[in-house]
Amino acid sequence: MPHHPLAGESRLVSKPAKSARYEIRVRGHLSETLLAAFPDLKAETSTGETVLTGVLRDAAALHGVLSKIEALGLELLECRRLEPR
């Protein structure tokens, strides 16, 4: 049986991801009904787009928001992590 490089060693555990602030831009002005799908994000409209901003607790939360955008048929224009204030 081959020797596993971590055999007998403690398991490597990565640190949990820290929350981060994101800015997510979608095409169009979202209705109140659509905005209700993103209760933890602040929404602002700009020329032809809606900007959602807020703190997401980890990568899973970010993927959840992106999945909602896709499921609602919204066009994602940009998603970026913002520098801490």
C-alpha atoms as a PDB file:
ATOM      1  CA  MET A   1       0.000   0.000   0.000  1.00  0.00           C
ATOM      2  CA  PRO A   2       1.495   3.390  -0.951  1.00  0.00           C
ATOM      3  CA  HIS A   3       2.349   5.792   1.824  1.00  0.00           C
ATOM      4  CA  HIS A   4       0.116   8.873   1.856  1.00  0.00           C
ATOM      5  CA  PRO A   5       2.165  12.074   2.373  1.00  0.00           C
ATOM      6  CA  LEU A   6      -0.105  13.222   5.212  1.00  0.00           C
ATOM      7  CA  ALA A   7      -0.455   9.862   6.938  1.00  0.00           C
ATOM      8  CA  GLY A   8      -0.009  10.238  10.666  1.00  0.00           C
ATOM      9  CA  GLU A   9      -0.057  14.046  10.451  1.00  0.00           C
ATOM     10  CA  SER A  10      -2.852  16.247  11.687  1.00  0.00           C
ATOM     11  CA  ARG A  11      -5.318  17.311   9.001  1.00  0.00           C
ATOM     12  CA  LEU A  12      -4.633  20.602   7.329  1.00  0.00           C
ATOM     13  CA  VAL A  13      -7.443  23.022   7.999  1.00  0.00           C
ATOM     14  CA  SER A  14      -7.727  26.248   6.108  1.00  0.00           C
ATOM     15  CA  LYS A  15      -8.943  29.361   7.832  1.00  0.00           C
ATOM     16  CA  PRO A  16     -12.583  30.184   7.205  1.00  0.00           C
ATOM     17  CA  ALA A  17     -13.038  32.860   4.576  1.00  0.00           C
ATOM     18  CA  LYS A  18     -13.606  36.307   5.993  1.00  0.00           C
ATOM     19  CA  SER A  19     -16.481  38.448   4.943  1.00  0.00           C
ATOM     20  CA  ALA A  20     -15.859  40.967   2.206  1.00  0.00           C
ATOM     21  CA  ARG A  21     -17.678  43.874   0.618  1.00  0.00           C
ATOM     22  CA  TYR A  22     -18.811  43.392  -2.985  1.00  0.00           C
ATOM     23  CA  GLU A  23     -20.203  45.505  -5.781  1.00  0.00           C
ATOM     24  CA  ILE A  24     -22.357  43.621  -8.274  1.00  0.00           C
ATOM     25  CA  ARG A  25     -23.712  45.325 -11.396  1.00  0.00           C
ATOM     26  CA  VAL A  26     -26.655  43.998 -13.396  1.00  0.00           C
ATOM     27  CA  ARG A  27     -28.259  45.388 -16.555  1.00  0.00           C
ATOM     28  CA  GLY A  28     -31.499  47.314 -16.126  1.00  0.00           C
ATOM     29  CA  HIS A  29     -33.422  48.852 -13.262  1.00  0.00           C
ATOM     30  CA  LEU A  30     -34.705  46.142 -10.946  1.00  0.00           C
ATOM     31  CA  SER A  31     -38.271  46.268  -9.659  1.00  0.00           C
ATOM     32  CA  GLU A  32     -39.029  46.145  -5.934  1.00  0.00           C
ATOM     33  CA  THR A  33     -40.060  42.511  -6.422  1.00  0.00           C
ATOM     34  CA  LEU A  34     -36.663  41.592  -7.884  1.00  0.00           C
ATOM     35  CA  LEU A  35     -34.801  43.629  -5.271  1.00  0.00           C
ATOM     36  CA  ALA A  36     -36.566  41.605  -2.561  1.00  0.00           C
ATOM     37  CA  ALA A  37     -34.443  38.638  -3.687  1.00  0.00           C
ATOM     38  CA  PHE A  38     -31.361  40.463  -2.352  1.00  0.00           C
ATOM     39  CA  PRO A  39     -32.400  41.655   1.137  1.00  0.00           C
ATOM     40  CA  ASP A  40     -28.844  41.972   2.460  1.00  0.00           C
ATOM     41  CA  LEU A  41     -27.626  44.184  -0.378  1.00  0.00           C
ATOM     42  CA  LYS A  42     -28.122  47.891  -0.953  1.00  0.00           C
ATOM     43  CA  ALA A  43     -29.349  48.771  -4.440  1.00  0.00           C
ATOM     44  CA  GLU A  44     -28.726  51.928  -6.437  1.00  0.00           C
ATOM     45  CA  THR A  45     -29.709  52.572 -10.013  1.00  0.00           C
ATOM     46  CA  SER A  46     -27.367  54.122 -12.501  1.00  0.00           C
ATOM     47  CA  THR A  47     -27.647  54.700 -16.228  1.00  0.00           C
ATOM     48  CA  GLY A  48     -29.246  51.476 -17.452  1.00  0.00           C
ATOM     49  CA  GLU A  49     -28.044  49.330 -14.573  1.00  0.00           C
ATOM     50  CA  THR A  50     -28.547  48.441 -10.930  1.00  0.00           C
ATOM     51  CA  VAL A  51     -25.599  48.325  -8.542  1.00  0.00           C
ATOM     52  CA  LEU A  52     -25.925  45.964  -5.574  1.00  0.00           C
ATOM     53  CA  THR A  53     -23.436  46.473  -2.753  1.00  0.00           C
ATOM     54  CA  GLY A  54     -22.947  44.867   0.605  1.00  0.00           C
ATOM     55  CA  VAL A  55     -20.929  42.576   2.806  1.00  0.00           C
ATOM     56  CA  LEU A  56     -21.100  38.870   2.034  1.00  0.00           C
ATOM     57  CA  ARG A  57     -19.903  36.481   4.733  1.00  0.00           C
ATOM     58  CA  ASP A  58     -17.987  34.073   2.502  1.00  0.00           C
ATOM     59  CA  ALA A  59     -17.574  32.634  -0.979  1.00  0.00           C
ATOM     60  CA  ALA A  60     -20.729  30.531  -0.565  1.00  0.00           C
ATOM     61  CA  ALA A  61     -22.784  33.675   0.056  1.00  0.00           C
ATOM     62  CA  LEU A  62     -21.300  35.296  -3.058  1.00  0.00           C
ATOM     63  CA  HIS A  63     -22.106  32.237  -5.148  1.00  0.00           C
ATOM     64  CA  GLY A  64     -25.635  32.285  -3.738  1.00  0.00           C
ATOM     65  CA  VAL A  65     -26.164  35.860  -4.927  1.00  0.00           C
ATOM     66  CA  LEU A  66     -24.707  35.071  -8.340  1.00  0.00           C
ATOM     67  CA  SER A  67     -26.963  32.011  -8.610  1.00  0.00           C
ATOM     68  CA  LYS A  68     -30.025  34.157  -7.832  1.00  0.00           C
ATOM     69  CA  ILE A  69     -28.996  36.618 -10.527  1.00  0.00           C
ATOM     70  CA  GLU A  70     -28.782  33.782 -13.033  1.00  0.00           C
ATOM     71  CA  ALA A  71     -32.038  32.145 -11.887  1.00  0.00           C
ATOM     72  CA  LEU A  72     -33.888  35.456 -12.260  1.00  0.00           C
ATOM     73  CA  GLY A  73     -32.575  35.856 -15.799  1.00  0.00           C
ATOM     74  CA  LEU A  74     -30.639  39.015 -14.994  1.00  0.00           C
ATOM     75  CA  GLU A  75     -27.580  39.987 -16.995  1.00  0.00           C
ATOM     76  CA  LEU A  76     -24.488  40.213 -14.808  1.00  0.00           C
ATOM     77  CA  LEU A  77     -22.265  43.079 -15.949  1.00  0.00           C
ATOM     78  CA  GLU A  78     -19.606  43.081 -13.259  1.00  0.00           C
ATOM     79  CA  CYS A  79     -18.809  41.608  -9.872  1.00  0.00           C
ATOM     80  CA  ARG A  80     -15.911  42.902  -7.855  1.00  0.00           C
ATOM     81  CA  ARG A  81     -14.577  42.721  -4.345  1.00  0.00           C
ATOM     82  CA  LEU A  82     -14.106  46.134  -2.805  1.00  0.00           C
ATOM     83  CA  GLU A  83     -11.204  47.160  -0.638  1.00  0.00           C
ATOM     84  CA  PRO A  84     -12.027  47.453   3.077  1.00  0.00           C
ATOM     85  CA  ARG A  85     -12.932  50.937   4.176  1.00  0.00           C
END
